[in-house]
Amino acid sequence: MPVLIDEDLVLEENGRVRPTVLANRWLRELPVSGAPAPRTWRVYAEAVRQWLEFLATCAVDPFGERAELRGALSSYAGHRLAGPLQERLAPSTWNLHMRALSSFYRWLVEEGHAAAVPFTYKHGLRLLDGVPREYEHNLAKVRQPKPHASIKYLEPDFTDDFVKALAGLRPDGTPDDGYRGRELGRNAAMGELVLATGLRRQEFTHLLVYEVPPLPRERTVVPIPFAAGHGVTKGSKQRMTWISYDALAKVHEYIELERPLAAEGSPWRPSGKATGNTPSNRRVPHWTPSAAARRSAATRRCGTT
């Protein structure tokens, strides 16, 4: 359990306990107050410590009037969200600190050590599984970026070395005599395909040969559409992604040259009992004509109706 101690090691001053003493009492009750994780104790203690240090620099009583504390909270928000770079907090960290301070001040009010909580809350109703439930939102919290806006991309140098390693090559492109792998062409081609398309693991693991789009006759810098069938996508929703010409060319090179050699003589065949092999569940890429269209074309060529 973390413990807060003032630099002068004083616990009482002018007949009044120091704020750190009350903070330690609150911290000791966290395990029985819905926060059993030791990591949570440390984060909450750090949030309270930084808040008390800021109030000390502003000469504000941590248990003073609500209006004074709210003014200090406003200054603290400006310092942590728009102050010096080394002092700024990420939105997620700031919201976590506000949750810790809200819990701390509510405990102080319940125990009679503070008159009011310096936070403002918004209350409302929301539907969860068709049941209305009350919710409370601390207005001191800030909006966090959505997960899709915080995607981390791999650096080009890393991806280049990664594909070379899959192909059994050194960073300079020469063969690595100490590499002990197999199907190097397949590994490198699939590595480039995944990096270019962003396919999920379940999508490229079950990718079929006829689902690979045809290679354009001429090299192009325009991305080539790459369809992912609903049979392997997340939520069974067909989606469209894109692939570069060079990555697609390496996939076709593997399919035409190395794959036949690797598959020749293999006794493995798809199981007829699997539902995925039935005609009704077969995945048909968007660029492949449907069976009805092929029959219609054959009928027109034969001159019948």
C-alpha atoms as a PDB file:
ATOM      1  CA  MET A   1       0.000   0.000   0.000  1.00  0.00           C
ATOM      2  CA  PRO A   2       1.533   3.392  -0.980  1.00  0.00           C
ATOM      3  CA  VAL A   3       2.039   5.995   1.745  1.00  0.00           C
ATOM      4  CA  LEU A   4       2.334   9.787   1.347  1.00  0.00           C
ATOM      5  CA  ILE A   5       4.786  11.578   3.666  1.00  0.00           C
ATOM      6  CA  ASP A   6       5.630  15.284   3.757  1.00  0.00           C
ATOM      7  CA  GLU A   7       9.280  16.248   3.366  1.00  0.00           C
ATOM      8  CA  ASP A   8       9.441  17.589   6.942  1.00  0.00           C
ATOM      9  CA  LEU A   9       7.915  14.362   8.323  1.00  0.00           C
ATOM     10  CA  VAL A  10       5.300  16.394  10.224  1.00  0.00           C
ATOM     11  CA  LEU A  11       1.861  14.800  10.696  1.00  0.00           C
ATOM     12  CA  GLU A  12       0.082  17.627  12.537  1.00  0.00           C
ATOM     13  CA  GLU A  13       0.351  21.390  12.369  1.00  0.00           C
ATOM     14  CA  ASN A  14      -1.420  23.957  14.554  1.00  0.00           C
ATOM     15  CA  GLY A  15      -3.612  21.267  16.056  1.00  0.00           C
ATOM     16  CA  ARG A  16      -4.727  20.040  12.636  1.00  0.00           C
ATOM     17  CA  VAL A  17      -3.627  16.913  10.773  1.00  0.00           C
ATOM     18  CA  ARG A  18      -1.770  17.330   7.518  1.00  0.00           C
ATOM     19  CA  PRO A  19      -3.612  16.511   4.226  1.00  0.00           C
ATOM     20  CA  THR A  20      -1.247  13.583   3.661  1.00  0.00           C
ATOM     21  CA  VAL A  21      -2.510  11.918   6.855  1.00  0.00           C
ATOM     22  CA  LEU A  22      -6.089  11.947   5.572  1.00  0.00           C
ATOM     23  CA  ALA A  23      -4.916  10.839   2.130  1.00  0.00           C
ATOM     24  CA  ASN A  24      -3.208   7.804   3.703  1.00  0.00           C
ATOM     25  CA  ARG A  25      -6.401   6.908   5.589  1.00  0.00           C
ATOM     26  CA  TRP A  26      -8.330   7.049   2.322  1.00  0.00           C
ATOM     27  CA  LEU A  27      -5.705   4.943   0.545  1.00  0.00           C
ATOM     28  CA  ARG A  28      -5.914   2.253   3.242  1.00  0.00           C
ATOM     29  CA  GLU A  29      -9.643   1.914   2.582  1.00  0.00           C
ATOM     30  CA  LEU A  30      -9.309   1.476  -1.184  1.00  0.00           C
ATOM     31  CA  PRO A  31      -9.086  -2.359  -1.051  1.00  0.00           C
ATOM     32  CA  VAL A  32     -12.563  -2.494   0.548  1.00  0.00           C
ATOM     33  CA  SER A  33     -13.967   0.373  -1.515  1.00  0.00           C
ATOM     34  CA  GLY A  34     -14.047  -1.196  -4.960  1.00  0.00           C
ATOM     35  CA  ALA A  35     -10.340  -0.800  -5.844  1.00  0.00           C
ATOM     36  CA  PRO A  36      -8.590  -4.094  -4.977  1.00  0.00           C
ATOM     37  CA  ALA A  37      -5.743  -3.812  -7.504  1.00  0.00           C
ATOM     38  CA  PRO A  38      -2.347  -2.656  -6.145  1.00  0.00           C
ATOM     39  CA  ARG A  39      -1.685  -0.800  -9.380  1.00  0.00           C
ATOM     40  CA  THR A  40      -4.838   1.257  -8.787  1.00  0.00           C
ATOM     41  CA  TRP A  41      -3.631   2.190  -5.298  1.00  0.00           C
ATOM     42  CA  ARG A  42      -0.368   3.513  -6.710  1.00  0.00           C
ATOM     43  CA  VAL A  43      -2.066   5.510  -9.480  1.00  0.00           C
ATOM     44  CA  TYR A  44      -4.590   7.032  -7.063  1.00  0.00           C
ATOM     45  CA  ALA A  45      -1.843   7.919  -4.584  1.00  0.00           C
ATOM     46  CA  GLU A  46       0.159   9.603  -7.338  1.00  0.00           C
ATOM     47  CA  ALA A  47      -2.895  11.598  -8.459  1.00  0.00           C
ATOM     48  CA  VAL A  48      -3.548  12.875  -4.928  1.00  0.00           C
ATOM     49  CA  ARG A  49       0.146  13.652  -4.347  1.00  0.00           C
ATOM     50  CA  GLN A  50       0.403  15.791  -7.480  1.00  0.00           C
ATOM     51  CA  TRP A  51      -2.837  17.594  -6.604  1.00  0.00           C
ATOM     52  CA  LEU A  52      -1.690  18.397  -3.058  1.00  0.00           C
ATOM     53  CA  GLU A  53       1.682  19.627  -4.308  1.00  0.00           C
ATOM     54  CA  PHE A  54      -0.036  21.952  -6.793  1.00  0.00           C
ATOM     55  CA  LEU A  55      -2.325  23.343  -4.084  1.00  0.00           C
ATOM     56  CA  ALA A  56       0.694  23.981  -1.863  1.00  0.00           C
ATOM     57  CA  THR A  57       2.340  26.094  -4.578  1.00  0.00           C
ATOM     58  CA  CYS A  58      -0.909  28.081  -4.910  1.00  0.00           C
ATOM     59  CA  ALA A  59      -1.324  28.430  -1.124  1.00  0.00           C
ATOM     60  CA  VAL A  60      -4.796  26.882  -1.306  1.00  0.00           C
ATOM     61  CA  ASP A  61      -6.214  24.817   1.545  1.00  0.00           C
ATOM     62  CA  PRO A  62      -7.087  21.311   0.202  1.00  0.00           C
ATOM     63  CA  PHE A  63     -10.119  21.257   2.530  1.00  0.00           C
ATOM     64  CA  GLY A  64     -11.131  24.877   2.111  1.00  0.00           C
ATOM     65  CA  GLU A  65     -14.145  26.526   0.496  1.00  0.00           C
ATOM     66  CA  ARG A  66     -15.604  25.007  -2.658  1.00  0.00           C
ATOM     67  CA  ALA A  67     -15.255  28.185  -4.730  1.00  0.00           C
ATOM     68  CA  GLU A  68     -11.557  28.461  -3.904  1.00  0.00           C
ATOM     69  CA  LEU A  69     -10.969  24.820  -4.697  1.00  0.00           C
ATOM     70  CA  ARG A  70     -12.811  25.106  -8.004  1.00  0.00           C
ATOM     71  CA  GLY A  71     -10.603  28.024  -8.987  1.00  0.00           C
ATOM     72  CA  ALA A  72      -7.534  25.947  -8.144  1.00  0.00           C
ATOM     73  CA  LEU A  73      -8.965  23.016 -10.109  1.00  0.00           C
ATOM     74  CA  SER A  74      -9.392  25.259 -13.146  1.00  0.00           C
ATOM     75  CA  SER A  75      -5.760  26.412 -12.872  1.00  0.00           C
ATOM     76  CA  TYR A  76      -4.654  22.805 -12.431  1.00  0.00           C
ATOM     77  CA  ALA A  77      -6.487  21.803 -15.614  1.00  0.00           C
ATOM     78  CA  GLY A  78      -4.749  24.547 -17.563  1.00  0.00           C
ATOM     79  CA  HIS A  79      -1.398  23.506 -16.140  1.00  0.00           C
ATOM     80  CA  ARG A  80      -1.857  19.797 -16.890  1.00  0.00           C
ATOM     81  CA  LEU A  81      -3.603  20.029 -20.258  1.00  0.00           C
ATOM     82  CA  ALA A  82      -2.026  23.124 -21.834  1.00  0.00           C
ATOM     83  CA  GLY A  83       0.994  23.941 -19.668  1.00  0.00           C
ATOM     84  CA  PRO A  84       4.671  23.030 -20.141  1.00  0.00           C
ATOM     85  CA  LEU A  85       5.143  19.884 -22.205  1.00  0.00           C
ATOM     86  CA  GLN A  86       6.889  18.012 -19.405  1.00  0.00           C
ATOM     87  CA  GLU A  87       3.933  18.683 -17.090  1.00  0.00           C
ATOM     88  CA  ARG A  88       1.098  17.796 -19.465  1.00  0.00           C
ATOM     89  CA  LEU A  89      -1.072  14.728 -19.037  1.00  0.00           C
ATOM     90  CA  ALA A  90      -2.738  12.681 -21.742  1.00  0.00           C
ATOM     91  CA  PRO A  91      -6.569  12.924 -21.746  1.00  0.00           C
ATOM     92  CA  SER A  92      -6.877   9.364 -20.461  1.00  0.00           C
ATOM     93  CA  THR A  93      -4.436  10.041 -17.598  1.00  0.00           C
ATOM     94  CA  TRP A  94      -6.182  13.299 -16.727  1.00  0.00           C
ATOM     95  CA  ASN A  95      -9.564  11.558 -16.556  1.00  0.00           C
ATOM     96  CA  LEU A  96      -8.082   8.870 -14.324  1.00  0.00           C
ATOM     97  CA  HIS A  97      -6.705  11.524 -11.968  1.00  0.00           C
ATOM     98  CA  MET A  98     -10.070  13.270 -11.863  1.00  0.00           C
ATOM     99  CA  ARG A  99     -11.766  10.003 -10.954  1.00  0.00           C
ATOM    100  CA  ALA A 100      -9.253   9.486  -8.129  1.00  0.00           C
ATOM    101  CA  LEU A 101      -9.695  13.033  -6.789  1.00  0.00           C
ATOM    102  CA  SER A 102     -13.480  12.744  -7.009  1.00  0.00           C
ATOM    103  CA  SER A 103     -13.370   9.577  -4.929  1.00  0.00           C
ATOM    104  CA  PHE A 104     -10.973  11.211  -2.462  1.00  0.00           C
ATOM    105  CA  TYR A 105     -13.125  14.305  -1.897  1.00  0.00           C
ATOM    106  CA  ARG A 106     -16.322  12.294  -1.581  1.00  0.00           C
ATOM    107  CA  TRP A 107     -14.648  10.267   1.145  1.00  0.00           C
ATOM    108  CA  LEU A 108     -13.535  13.502   2.870  1.00  0.00           C
ATOM    109  CA  VAL A 109     -17.105  14.814   2.835  1.00  0.00           C
ATOM    110  CA  GLU A 110     -18.522  11.543   4.176  1.00  0.00           C
ATOM    111  CA  GLU A 111     -15.941  11.495   6.984  1.00  0.00           C
ATOM    112  CA  GLY A 112     -16.545  15.141   7.856  1.00  0.00           C
ATOM    113  CA  HIS A 113     -13.113  16.445   6.855  1.00  0.00           C
ATOM    114  CA  ALA A 114     -14.334  18.655   3.980  1.00  0.00           C
ATOM    115  CA  ALA A 115     -17.445  20.744   3.427  1.00  0.00           C
ATOM    116  CA  ALA A 116     -17.993  20.096  -0.277  1.00  0.00           C
ATOM    117  CA  VAL A 117     -16.666  18.355  -3.366  1.00  0.00           C
ATOM    118  CA  PRO A 118     -15.019  20.750  -5.863  1.00  0.00           C
ATOM    119  CA  PHE A 119     -16.478  18.897  -8.865  1.00  0.00           C
ATOM    120  CA  THR A 120     -19.694  19.347 -10.830  1.00  0.00           C
ATOM    121  CA  TYR A 121     -21.591  16.288 -12.049  1.00  0.00           C
ATOM    122  CA  LYS A 122     -24.168  15.743 -14.754  1.00  0.00           C
ATOM    123  CA  HIS A 123     -26.822  13.117 -14.143  1.00  0.00           C
ATOM    124  CA  GLY A 124     -29.020  11.405 -16.690  1.00  0.00           C
ATOM    125  CA  LEU A 125     -30.562   8.163 -17.904  1.00  0.00           C
ATOM    126  CA  ARG A 126     -29.311   5.737 -20.511  1.00  0.00           C
ATOM    127  CA  LEU A 127     -30.676   2.458 -21.852  1.00  0.00           C
ATOM    128  CA  LEU A 128     -28.651  -0.703 -21.200  1.00  0.00           C
ATOM    129  CA  ASP A 129     -30.186  -3.846 -22.666  1.00  0.00           C
ATOM    130  CA  GLY A 130     -33.512  -2.043 -22.806  1.00  0.00           C
ATOM    131  CA  VAL A 131     -33.393  -1.093 -19.109  1.00  0.00           C
ATOM    132  CA  PRO A 132     -33.070   2.601 -18.137  1.00  0.00           C
ATOM    133  CA  ARG A 133     -30.180   3.213 -15.757  1.00  0.00           C
ATOM    134  CA  GLU A 134     -28.918   6.378 -14.116  1.00  0.00           C
ATOM    135  CA  TYR A 135     -25.425   7.595 -14.878  1.00  0.00           C
ATOM    136  CA  GLU A 136     -23.162  10.316 -13.516  1.00  0.00           C
ATOM    137  CA  HIS A 137     -20.539  12.240 -15.469  1.00  0.00           C
ATOM    138  CA  ASN A 138     -17.798  14.368 -13.946  1.00  0.00           C
ATOM    139  CA  LEU A 139     -17.641  17.569 -15.979  1.00  0.00           C
ATOM    140  CA  ALA A 140     -13.946  17.984 -15.140  1.00  0.00           C
ATOM    141  CA  LYS A 141     -13.153  15.077 -17.422  1.00  0.00           C
ATOM    142  CA  VAL A 142     -12.200  15.741 -21.057  1.00  0.00           C
ATOM    143  CA  ARG A 143     -13.106  13.894 -24.239  1.00  0.00           C
ATOM    144  CA  GLN A 144     -10.680  11.197 -25.297  1.00  0.00           C
ATOM    145  CA  PRO A 145      -9.729  10.442 -28.909  1.00  0.00           C
ATOM    146  CA  LYS A 146     -11.552   7.505 -30.418  1.00  0.00           C
ATOM    147  CA  PRO A 147      -9.527   4.307 -30.878  1.00  0.00           C
ATOM    148  CA  HIS A 148      -9.527   4.629 -34.682  1.00  0.00           C
ATOM    149  CA  ALA A 149      -7.787   8.007 -34.344  1.00  0.00           C
ATOM    150  CA  SER A 150      -4.915   6.591 -32.267  1.00  0.00           C
ATOM    151  CA  ILE A 151      -3.728   3.850 -34.627  1.00  0.00           C
ATOM    152  CA  LYS A 152       0.027   3.310 -34.514  1.00  0.00           C
ATOM    153  CA  TYR A 153       1.630   2.538 -37.858  1.00  0.00           C
ATOM    154  CA  LEU A 154       4.831   0.563 -38.380  1.00  0.00           C
ATOM    155  CA  GLU A 155       7.847   2.483 -39.617  1.00  0.00           C
ATOM    156  CA  PRO A 156       8.867   1.784 -43.248  1.00  0.00           C
ATOM    157  CA  ASP A 157      12.384   0.730 -42.184  1.00  0.00           C
ATOM    158  CA  PHE A 158      10.952  -1.871 -39.820  1.00  0.00           C
ATOM    159  CA  THR A 159       8.483  -3.278 -42.337  1.00  0.00           C
ATOM    160  CA  ASP A 160      11.238  -3.565 -44.961  1.00  0.00           C
ATOM    161  CA  ASP A 161      13.501  -5.509 -42.581  1.00  0.00           C
ATOM    162  CA  PHE A 162      10.519  -7.611 -41.463  1.00  0.00           C
ATOM    163  CA  VAL A 163       9.714  -8.761 -45.015  1.00  0.00           C
ATOM    164  CA  LYS A 164      13.386  -9.445 -45.723  1.00  0.00           C
ATOM    165  CA  ALA A 165      13.605 -11.562 -42.582  1.00  0.00           C
ATOM    166  CA  LEU A 166      10.564 -13.579 -43.690  1.00  0.00           C
ATOM    167  CA  ALA A 167      12.359 -14.206 -46.991  1.00  0.00           C
ATOM    168  CA  GLY A 168      15.536 -15.327 -45.207  1.00  0.00           C
ATOM    169  CA  LEU A 169      17.497 -12.235 -46.210  1.00  0.00           C
ATOM    170  CA  ARG A 170      19.775  -9.904 -44.299  1.00  0.00           C
ATOM    171  CA  PRO A 171      18.928  -6.186 -43.971  1.00  0.00           C
ATOM    172  CA  ASP A 172      21.178  -5.495 -46.995  1.00  0.00           C
ATOM    173  CA  GLY A 173      19.180  -7.974 -49.128  1.00  0.00           C
ATOM    174  CA  THR A 174      21.799 -10.738 -49.260  1.00  0.00           C
ATOM    175  CA  PRO A 175      20.877 -14.332 -48.300  1.00  0.00           C
ATOM    176  CA  ASP A 176      21.290 -15.210 -44.630  1.00  0.00           C
ATOM    177  CA  ASP A 177      23.250 -18.476 -44.503  1.00  0.00           C
ATOM    178  CA  GLY A 178      22.217 -19.051 -40.892  1.00  0.00           C
ATOM    179  CA  TYR A 179      18.479 -18.837 -41.587  1.00  0.00           C
ATOM    180  CA  ARG A 180      16.632 -22.128 -41.036  1.00  0.00           C
ATOM    181  CA  GLY A 181      13.158 -21.675 -42.466  1.00  0.00           C
ATOM    182  CA  ARG A 182      10.986 -23.013 -45.253  1.00  0.00           C
ATOM    183  CA  GLU A 183       8.501 -21.643 -47.781  1.00  0.00           C
ATOM    184  CA  LEU A 184      10.394 -18.338 -47.856  1.00  0.00           C
ATOM    185  CA  GLY A 185       8.542 -17.060 -50.922  1.00  0.00           C
ATOM    186  CA  ARG A 186       5.188 -17.720 -49.300  1.00  0.00           C
ATOM    187  CA  ASN A 187       6.223 -16.050 -46.052  1.00  0.00           C
ATOM    188  CA  ALA A 188       7.517 -12.914 -47.745  1.00  0.00           C
ATOM    189  CA  ALA A 189       4.533 -12.661 -50.110  1.00  0.00           C
ATOM    190  CA  MET A 190       2.012 -13.042 -47.284  1.00  0.00           C
ATOM    191  CA  GLY A 191       3.956 -10.578 -45.146  1.00  0.00           C
ATOM    192  CA  GLU A 192       3.744  -7.920 -47.840  1.00  0.00           C
ATOM    193  CA  LEU A 193       0.083  -8.747 -48.484  1.00  0.00           C
ATOM    194  CA  VAL A 194      -0.833  -8.259 -44.814  1.00  0.00           C
ATOM    195  CA  LEU A 195       1.154  -5.024 -44.534  1.00  0.00           C
ATOM    196  CA  ALA A 196      -0.395  -3.629 -47.734  1.00  0.00           C
ATOM    197  CA  THR A 197      -4.021  -4.652 -47.110  1.00  0.00           C
ATOM    198  CA  GLY A 198      -4.334  -4.591 -43.326  1.00  0.00           C
ATOM    199  CA  LEU A 199      -6.167  -7.924 -43.321  1.00  0.00           C
ATOM    200  CA  ARG A 200      -6.978  -9.385 -39.928  1.00  0.00           C
ATOM    201  CA  ARG A 201      -5.429 -12.674 -38.859  1.00  0.00           C
ATOM    202  CA  GLN A 202      -8.564 -14.712 -39.494  1.00  0.00           C
ATOM    203  CA  GLU A 203      -8.930 -13.082 -42.904  1.00  0.00           C
ATOM    204  CA  PHE A 204      -5.506 -13.842 -44.375  1.00  0.00           C
ATOM    205  CA  THR A 205      -5.292 -17.225 -42.632  1.00  0.00           C
ATOM    206  CA  HIS A 206      -8.334 -18.489 -44.571  1.00  0.00           C
ATOM    207  CA  LEU A 207      -7.599 -16.590 -47.780  1.00  0.00           C
ATOM    208  CA  LEU A 208      -8.210 -18.734 -50.882  1.00  0.00           C
ATOM    209  CA  VAL A 209      -6.266 -18.524 -54.135  1.00  0.00           C
ATOM    210  CA  TYR A 210      -9.239 -17.518 -56.266  1.00  0.00           C
ATOM    211  CA  GLU A 211     -10.010 -14.670 -53.845  1.00  0.00           C
ATOM    212  CA  VAL A 212      -6.765 -12.898 -54.765  1.00  0.00           C
ATOM    213  CA  PRO A 213      -7.597 -10.150 -57.283  1.00  0.00           C
ATOM    214  CA  PRO A 214      -6.089 -10.417 -60.776  1.00  0.00           C
ATOM    215  CA  LEU A 215      -2.897  -8.544 -61.469  1.00  0.00           C
ATOM    216  CA  PRO A 216      -3.322  -5.542 -63.809  1.00  0.00           C
ATOM    217  CA  ARG A 217      -1.580  -5.868 -67.187  1.00  0.00           C
ATOM    218  CA  GLU A 218       0.477  -2.747 -66.555  1.00  0.00           C
ATOM    219  CA  ARG A 219       2.134  -1.551 -63.385  1.00  0.00           C
ATOM    220  CA  THR A 220       0.154   1.175 -61.640  1.00  0.00           C
ATOM    221  CA  VAL A 221       0.614   3.382 -58.603  1.00  0.00           C
ATOM    222  CA  VAL A 222      -3.129   3.381 -57.962  1.00  0.00           C
ATOM    223  CA  PRO A 223      -4.129   0.958 -55.164  1.00  0.00           C
ATOM    224  CA  ILE A 224      -5.922  -2.167 -56.371  1.00  0.00           C
ATOM    225  CA  PRO A 225      -9.245  -3.181 -54.711  1.00  0.00           C
ATOM    226  CA  PHE A 226      -9.001  -6.263 -52.518  1.00  0.00           C
ATOM    227  CA  ALA A 227     -12.294  -7.777 -51.334  1.00  0.00           C
ATOM    228  CA  ALA A 228     -12.556  -9.687 -48.049  1.00  0.00           C
ATOM    229  CA  GLY A 229     -15.454 -12.156 -48.112  1.00  0.00           C
ATOM    230  CA  HIS A 230     -18.083 -12.239 -45.380  1.00  0.00           C
ATOM    231  CA  GLY A 231     -17.136 -15.816 -44.510  1.00  0.00           C
ATOM    232  CA  VAL A 232     -13.905 -14.733 -42.775  1.00  0.00           C
ATOM    233  CA  THR A 233     -14.439 -11.080 -41.847  1.00  0.00           C
ATOM    234  CA  LYS A 234     -15.261  -9.750 -38.403  1.00  0.00           C
ATOM    235  CA  GLY A 235     -18.999  -9.812 -37.842  1.00  0.00           C
ATOM    236  CA  SER A 236     -19.474 -11.659 -41.163  1.00  0.00           C
ATOM    237  CA  LYS A 237     -19.601  -8.324 -42.983  1.00  0.00           C
ATOM    238  CA  GLN A 238     -17.923  -8.182 -46.363  1.00  0.00           C
ATOM    239  CA  ARG A 239     -15.499  -5.292 -46.635  1.00  0.00           C
ATOM    240  CA  MET A 240     -13.208  -3.758 -49.228  1.00  0.00           C
ATOM    241  CA  THR A 241      -9.555  -2.944 -48.709  1.00  0.00           C
ATOM    242  CA  TRP A 242      -6.670  -2.119 -51.061  1.00  0.00           C
ATOM    243  CA  ILE A 243      -3.295  -3.534 -52.057  1.00  0.00           C
ATOM    244  CA  SER A 244      -0.314  -2.106 -53.912  1.00  0.00           C
ATOM    245  CA  TYR A 245       0.754  -3.434 -57.301  1.00  0.00           C
ATOM    246  CA  ASP A 246       4.152  -4.626 -56.059  1.00  0.00           C
ATOM    247  CA  ALA A 247       2.679  -6.569 -53.145  1.00  0.00           C
ATOM    248  CA  LEU A 248       0.050  -8.162 -55.383  1.00  0.00           C
ATOM    249  CA  ALA A 249       2.702  -9.069 -57.955  1.00  0.00           C
ATOM    250  CA  LYS A 250       4.696 -10.987 -55.330  1.00  0.00           C
ATOM    251  CA  VAL A 251       1.568 -12.872 -54.261  1.00  0.00           C
ATOM    252  CA  HIS A 252       0.874 -13.892 -57.877  1.00  0.00           C
ATOM    253  CA  GLU A 253       4.521 -14.862 -58.329  1.00  0.00           C
ATOM    254  CA  TYR A 254       4.233 -17.215 -55.365  1.00  0.00           C
ATOM    255  CA  ILE A 255       0.897 -18.640 -56.584  1.00  0.00           C
ATOM    256  CA  GLU A 256       2.181 -19.303 -60.111  1.00  0.00           C
ATOM    257  CA  LEU A 257       5.706 -20.552 -59.338  1.00  0.00           C
ATOM    258  CA  GLU A 258       6.334 -21.750 -55.785  1.00  0.00           C
ATOM    259  CA  ARG A 259       2.896 -22.839 -54.625  1.00  0.00           C
ATOM    260  CA  PRO A 260       2.409 -25.580 -57.274  1.00  0.00           C
ATOM    261  CA  LEU A 261       5.782 -27.069 -56.325  1.00  0.00           C
ATOM    262  CA  ALA A 262       4.935 -27.014 -52.612  1.00  0.00           C
ATOM    263  CA  ALA A 263       1.442 -28.462 -53.102  1.00  0.00           C
ATOM    264  CA  GLU A 264       2.396 -31.154 -55.630  1.00  0.00           C
ATOM    265  CA  GLY A 265       1.905 -34.644 -54.259  1.00  0.00           C
ATOM    266  CA  SER A 266       0.202 -33.448 -51.086  1.00  0.00           C
ATOM    267  CA  PRO A 267      -2.554 -35.871 -49.946  1.00  0.00           C
ATOM    268  CA  TRP A 268      -4.461 -33.151 -48.080  1.00  0.00           C
ATOM    269  CA  ARG A 269      -7.932 -32.330 -49.359  1.00  0.00           C
ATOM    270  CA  PRO A 270     -10.651 -30.105 -47.878  1.00  0.00           C
ATOM    271  CA  SER A 271     -13.048 -31.966 -45.626  1.00  0.00           C
ATOM    272  CA  GLY A 272     -16.413 -32.552 -47.272  1.00  0.00           C
ATOM    273  CA  LYS A 273     -18.138 -32.394 -43.886  1.00  0.00           C
ATOM    274  CA  ALA A 274     -17.205 -28.768 -43.254  1.00  0.00           C
ATOM    275  CA  THR A 275     -20.087 -26.400 -43.811  1.00  0.00           C
ATOM    276  CA  GLY A 276     -17.715 -23.880 -45.355  1.00  0.00           C
ATOM    277  CA  ASN A 277     -17.204 -26.179 -48.367  1.00  0.00           C
ATOM    278  CA  THR A 278     -20.870 -26.418 -49.263  1.00  0.00           C
ATOM    279  CA  PRO A 279     -21.927 -24.508 -52.383  1.00  0.00           C
ATOM    280  CA  SER A 280     -24.277 -22.294 -50.354  1.00  0.00           C
ATOM    281  CA  ASN A 281     -21.422 -20.997 -48.169  1.00  0.00           C
ATOM    282  CA  ARG A 282     -18.794 -20.636 -50.857  1.00  0.00           C
ATOM    283  CA  ARG A 283     -17.230 -17.174 -50.937  1.00  0.00           C
ATOM    284  CA  VAL A 284     -17.387 -15.538 -54.351  1.00  0.00           C
ATOM    285  CA  PRO A 285     -15.227 -12.428 -54.945  1.00  0.00           C
ATOM    286  CA  HIS A 286     -16.964  -9.400 -56.370  1.00  0.00           C
ATOM    287  CA  TRP A 287     -14.885  -9.529 -59.570  1.00  0.00           C
ATOM    288  CA  THR A 288     -15.949 -13.150 -60.382  1.00  0.00           C
ATOM    289  CA  PRO A 289     -19.136 -13.469 -62.506  1.00  0.00           C
ATOM    290  CA  SER A 290     -21.938 -15.294 -60.753  1.00  0.00           C
ATOM    291  CA  ALA A 291     -23.076 -18.741 -61.923  1.00  0.00           C
ATOM    292  CA  ALA A 292     -26.301 -17.251 -63.277  1.00  0.00           C
ATOM    293  CA  ALA A 293     -24.330 -14.721 -65.319  1.00  0.00           C
ATOM    294  CA  ARG A 294     -22.106 -17.458 -66.750  1.00  0.00           C
ATOM    295  CA  ARG A 295     -25.132 -19.566 -67.715  1.00  0.00           C
ATOM    296  CA  SER A 296     -26.771 -16.531 -69.332  1.00  0.00           C
ATOM    297  CA  ALA A 297     -23.599 -15.820 -71.329  1.00  0.00           C
ATOM    298  CA  ALA A 298     -23.383 -19.445 -72.462  1.00  0.00           C
ATOM    299  CA  THR A 299     -27.035 -19.386 -73.523  1.00  0.00           C
ATOM    300  CA  ARG A 300     -26.499 -16.277 -75.651  1.00  0.00           C
ATOM    301  CA  ARG A 301     -23.484 -17.847 -77.343  1.00  0.00           C
ATOM    302  CA  CYS A 302     -25.530 -20.983 -78.179  1.00  0.00           C
ATOM    303  CA  GLY A 303     -28.353 -18.856 -79.606  1.00  0.00           C
ATOM    304  CA  THR A 304     -30.993 -20.334 -77.267  1.00  0.00           C
ATOM    305  CA  THR A 305     -33.443 -18.657 -74.923  1.00  0.00           C
END
